[in-house]
């Protein structure tokens, strides 16, 4: 959900909004990508 807040500006684009959702989901599965 945190990612959606930062992607609020990009949310204007349906494609972007969906893409960010996948990224956030993947980040949760792959903690290695997180800092």
PDB file of N, CA and C in Angstrom:
ATOM      1  N   UNK A   1       0.842  -1.204   0.000  1.00  0.00           N
ATOM      2  CA  UNK A   1       0.000   0.000   0.000  1.00  0.00           C
ATOM      3  C   UNK A   1       0.873   1.248   0.000  1.00  0.00           C
ATOM      4  N   UNK A   2       2.021   1.186   0.672  1.00  0.00           N
ATOM      5  CA  UNK A   2       2.920   2.355   0.714  1.00  0.00           C
ATOM      6  C   UNK A   2       3.314   2.761  -0.702  1.00  0.00           C
ATOM      7  N   UNK A   3       3.520   1.744  -1.552  1.00  0.00           N
ATOM      8  CA  UNK A   3       3.934   2.049  -2.927  1.00  0.00           C
ATOM      9  C   UNK A   3       2.859   2.859  -3.640  1.00  0.00           C
ATOM     10  N   UNK A   4       1.590   2.532  -3.372  1.00  0.00           N
ATOM     11  CA  UNK A   4       0.484   3.237  -4.040  1.00  0.00           C
ATOM     12  C   UNK A   4       0.527   4.725  -3.674  1.00  0.00           C
ATOM     13  N   UNK A   5       0.866   5.025  -2.426  1.00  0.00           N
ATOM     14  CA  UNK A   5       0.916   6.424  -1.998  1.00  0.00           C
ATOM     15  C   UNK A   5       1.949   7.191  -2.819  1.00  0.00           C
ATOM     16  N   UNK A   6       3.114   6.568  -3.050  1.00  0.00           N
ATOM     17  CA  UNK A   6       4.156   7.253  -3.815  1.00  0.00           C
ATOM     18  C   UNK A   6       3.780   7.270  -5.291  1.00  0.00           C
ATOM     19  N   UNK A   7       3.011   6.294  -5.715  1.00  0.00           N
ATOM     20  CA  UNK A   7       2.609   6.218  -7.125  1.00  0.00           C
ATOM     21  C   UNK A   7       1.321   6.999  -7.363  1.00  0.00           C
ATOM     22  N   UNK A   8       0.884   7.752  -6.376  1.00  0.00           N
ATOM     23  CA  UNK A   8      -0.363   8.520  -6.515  1.00  0.00           C
ATOM     24  C   UNK A   8      -0.327   9.357  -7.791  1.00  0.00           C
ATOM     25  N   UNK A   9       0.812   9.986  -8.059  1.00  0.00           N
ATOM     26  CA  UNK A   9       0.937  10.833  -9.257  1.00  0.00           C
ATOM     27  C   UNK A   9       0.819   9.976 -10.516  1.00  0.00           C
ATOM     28  N   UNK A  10       1.385   8.805 -10.479  1.00  0.00           N
ATOM     29  CA  UNK A  10       1.343   7.926 -11.649  1.00  0.00           C
ATOM     30  C   UNK A  10      -0.010   7.227 -11.737  1.00  0.00           C
ATOM     31  N   UNK A  11      -0.731   7.207 -10.647  1.00  0.00           N
ATOM     32  CA  UNK A  11      -2.039   6.538 -10.630  1.00  0.00           C
ATOM     33  C   UNK A  11      -2.935   7.072 -11.742  1.00  0.00           C
ATOM     34  N   UNK A  12      -2.622   8.257 -12.236  1.00  0.00           N
ATOM     35  CA  UNK A  12      -3.429   8.857 -13.310  1.00  0.00           C
ATOM     36  C   UNK A  12      -3.512   7.890 -14.491  1.00  0.00           C
ATOM     37  N   UNK A  13      -2.476   7.083 -14.664  1.00  0.00           N
ATOM     38  CA  UNK A  13      -2.465   6.121 -15.781  1.00  0.00           C
ATOM     39  C   UNK A  13      -2.851   4.735 -15.278  1.00  0.00           C
ATOM     40  N   UNK A  14      -3.856   4.138 -15.884  1.00  0.00           N
ATOM     41  CA  UNK A  14      -4.303   2.805 -15.448  1.00  0.00           C
ATOM     42  C   UNK A  14      -3.156   1.800 -15.576  1.00  0.00           C
ATOM     43  N   UNK A  15      -2.433   1.883 -16.673  1.00  0.00           N
ATOM     44  CA  UNK A  15      -1.322   0.957 -16.918  1.00  0.00           C
ATOM     45  C   UNK A  15      -0.268   1.120 -15.822  1.00  0.00           C
ATOM     46  N   UNK A  16       0.059   2.363 -15.497  1.00  0.00           N
ATOM     47  CA  UNK A  16       1.070   2.607 -14.462  1.00  0.00           C
ATOM     48  C   UNK A  16       0.585   2.101 -13.108  1.00  0.00           C
ATOM     49  N   UNK A  17      -0.693   2.371 -12.829  1.00  0.00           N
ATOM     50  CA  UNK A  17      -1.245   1.971 -11.535  1.00  0.00           C
ATOM     51  C   UNK A  17      -1.139   0.449 -11.377  1.00  0.00           C
ATOM     52  N   UNK A  18      -1.447  -0.254 -12.440  1.00  0.00           N
ATOM     53  CA  UNK A  18      -1.411  -1.715 -12.370  1.00  0.00           C
ATOM     54  C   UNK A  18       0.041  -2.190 -12.239  1.00  0.00           C
ATOM     55  N   UNK A  19       0.932  -1.524 -12.920  1.00  0.00           N
ATOM     56  CA  UNK A  19       2.335  -1.936 -12.898  1.00  0.00           C
ATOM     57  C   UNK A  19       2.905  -1.787 -11.479  1.00  0.00           C
ATOM     58  N   UNK A  20       2.619  -0.678 -10.843  1.00  0.00           N
ATOM     59  CA  UNK A  20       3.127  -0.435  -9.495  1.00  0.00           C
ATOM     60  C   UNK A  20       2.587  -1.502  -8.536  1.00  0.00           C
ATOM     61  N   UNK A  21       1.352  -1.911  -8.747  1.00  0.00           N
ATOM     62  CA  UNK A  21       0.747  -2.922  -7.875  1.00  0.00           C
ATOM     63  C   UNK A  21       1.548  -4.222  -7.934  1.00  0.00           C
ATOM     64  N   UNK A  22       1.952  -4.607  -9.144  1.00  0.00           N
ATOM     65  CA  UNK A  22       2.731  -5.835  -9.310  1.00  0.00           C
ATOM     66  C   UNK A  22       4.085  -5.679  -8.628  1.00  0.00           C
ATOM     67  N   UNK A  23       4.677  -4.513  -8.751  1.00  0.00           N
ATOM     68  CA  UNK A  23       5.991  -4.269  -8.149  1.00  0.00           C
ATOM     69  C   UNK A  23       5.910  -4.415  -6.631  1.00  0.00           C
ATOM     70  N   UNK A  24       4.890  -3.806  -6.033  1.00  0.00           N
ATOM     71  CA  UNK A  24       4.741  -3.872  -4.579  1.00  0.00           C
ATOM     72  C   UNK A  24       4.528  -5.327  -4.155  1.00  0.00           C
ATOM     73  N   UNK A  25       3.761  -6.068  -4.935  1.00  0.00           N
ATOM     74  CA  UNK A  25       3.480  -7.466  -4.610  1.00  0.00           C
ATOM     75  C   UNK A  25       4.772  -8.285  -4.701  1.00  0.00           C
ATOM     76  N   UNK A  26       5.550  -8.021  -5.716  1.00  0.00           N
ATOM     77  CA  UNK A  26       6.790  -8.756  -5.926  1.00  0.00           C
ATOM     78  C   UNK A  26       7.790  -8.422  -4.811  1.00  0.00           C
ATOM     79  N   UNK A  27       7.831  -7.161  -4.410  1.00  0.00           N
ATOM     80  CA  UNK A  27       8.755  -6.730  -3.356  1.00  0.00           C
ATOM     81  C   UNK A  27       8.474  -7.518  -2.070  1.00  0.00           C
ATOM     82  N   UNK A  28       7.205  -7.778  -1.805  1.00  0.00           N
ATOM     83  CA  UNK A  28       6.841  -8.512  -0.590  1.00  0.00           C
ATOM     84  C   UNK A  28       7.327  -9.957  -0.678  1.00  0.00           C
ATOM     85  N   UNK A  29       7.244 -10.523  -1.871  1.00  0.00           N
ATOM     86  CA  UNK A  29       7.678 -11.910  -2.051  1.00  0.00           C
ATOM     87  C   UNK A  29       9.200 -11.983  -2.079  1.00  0.00           C
ATOM     88  N   UNK A  30       9.830 -10.941  -2.620  1.00  0.00           N
ATOM     89  CA  UNK A  30      11.294 -10.907  -2.717  1.00  0.00           C
ATOM     90  C   UNK A  30      11.856  -9.830  -1.796  1.00  0.00           C
ATOM     91  N   UNK A  31      12.054 -10.146  -0.537  1.00  0.00           N
ATOM     92  CA  UNK A  31      12.580  -9.151   0.422  1.00  0.00           C
ATOM     93  C   UNK A  31      13.988  -8.709   0.053  1.00  0.00           C
ATOM     94  N   UNK A  32      14.656  -9.479  -0.787  1.00  0.00           N
ATOM     95  CA  UNK A  32      16.032  -9.143  -1.175  1.00  0.00           C
ATOM     96  C   UNK A  32      16.047  -7.800  -1.910  1.00  0.00           C
ATOM     97  N   UNK A  33      14.999  -7.513  -2.673  1.00  0.00           N
ATOM     98  CA  UNK A  33      14.952  -6.270  -3.445  1.00  0.00           C
ATOM     99  C   UNK A  33      14.760  -5.066  -2.531  1.00  0.00           C
ATOM    100  N   UNK A  34      14.246  -5.295  -1.331  1.00  0.00           N
ATOM    101  CA  UNK A  34      14.024  -4.167  -0.418  1.00  0.00           C
ATOM    102  C   UNK A  34      15.353  -3.745   0.212  1.00  0.00           C
ATOM    103  N   UNK A  35      15.506  -2.467   0.504  1.00  0.00           N
ATOM    104  CA  UNK A  35      16.757  -1.934   1.080  1.00  0.00           C
ATOM    105  C   UNK A  35      16.950  -2.375   2.529  1.00  0.00           C
TER     106      UNK A  35
END
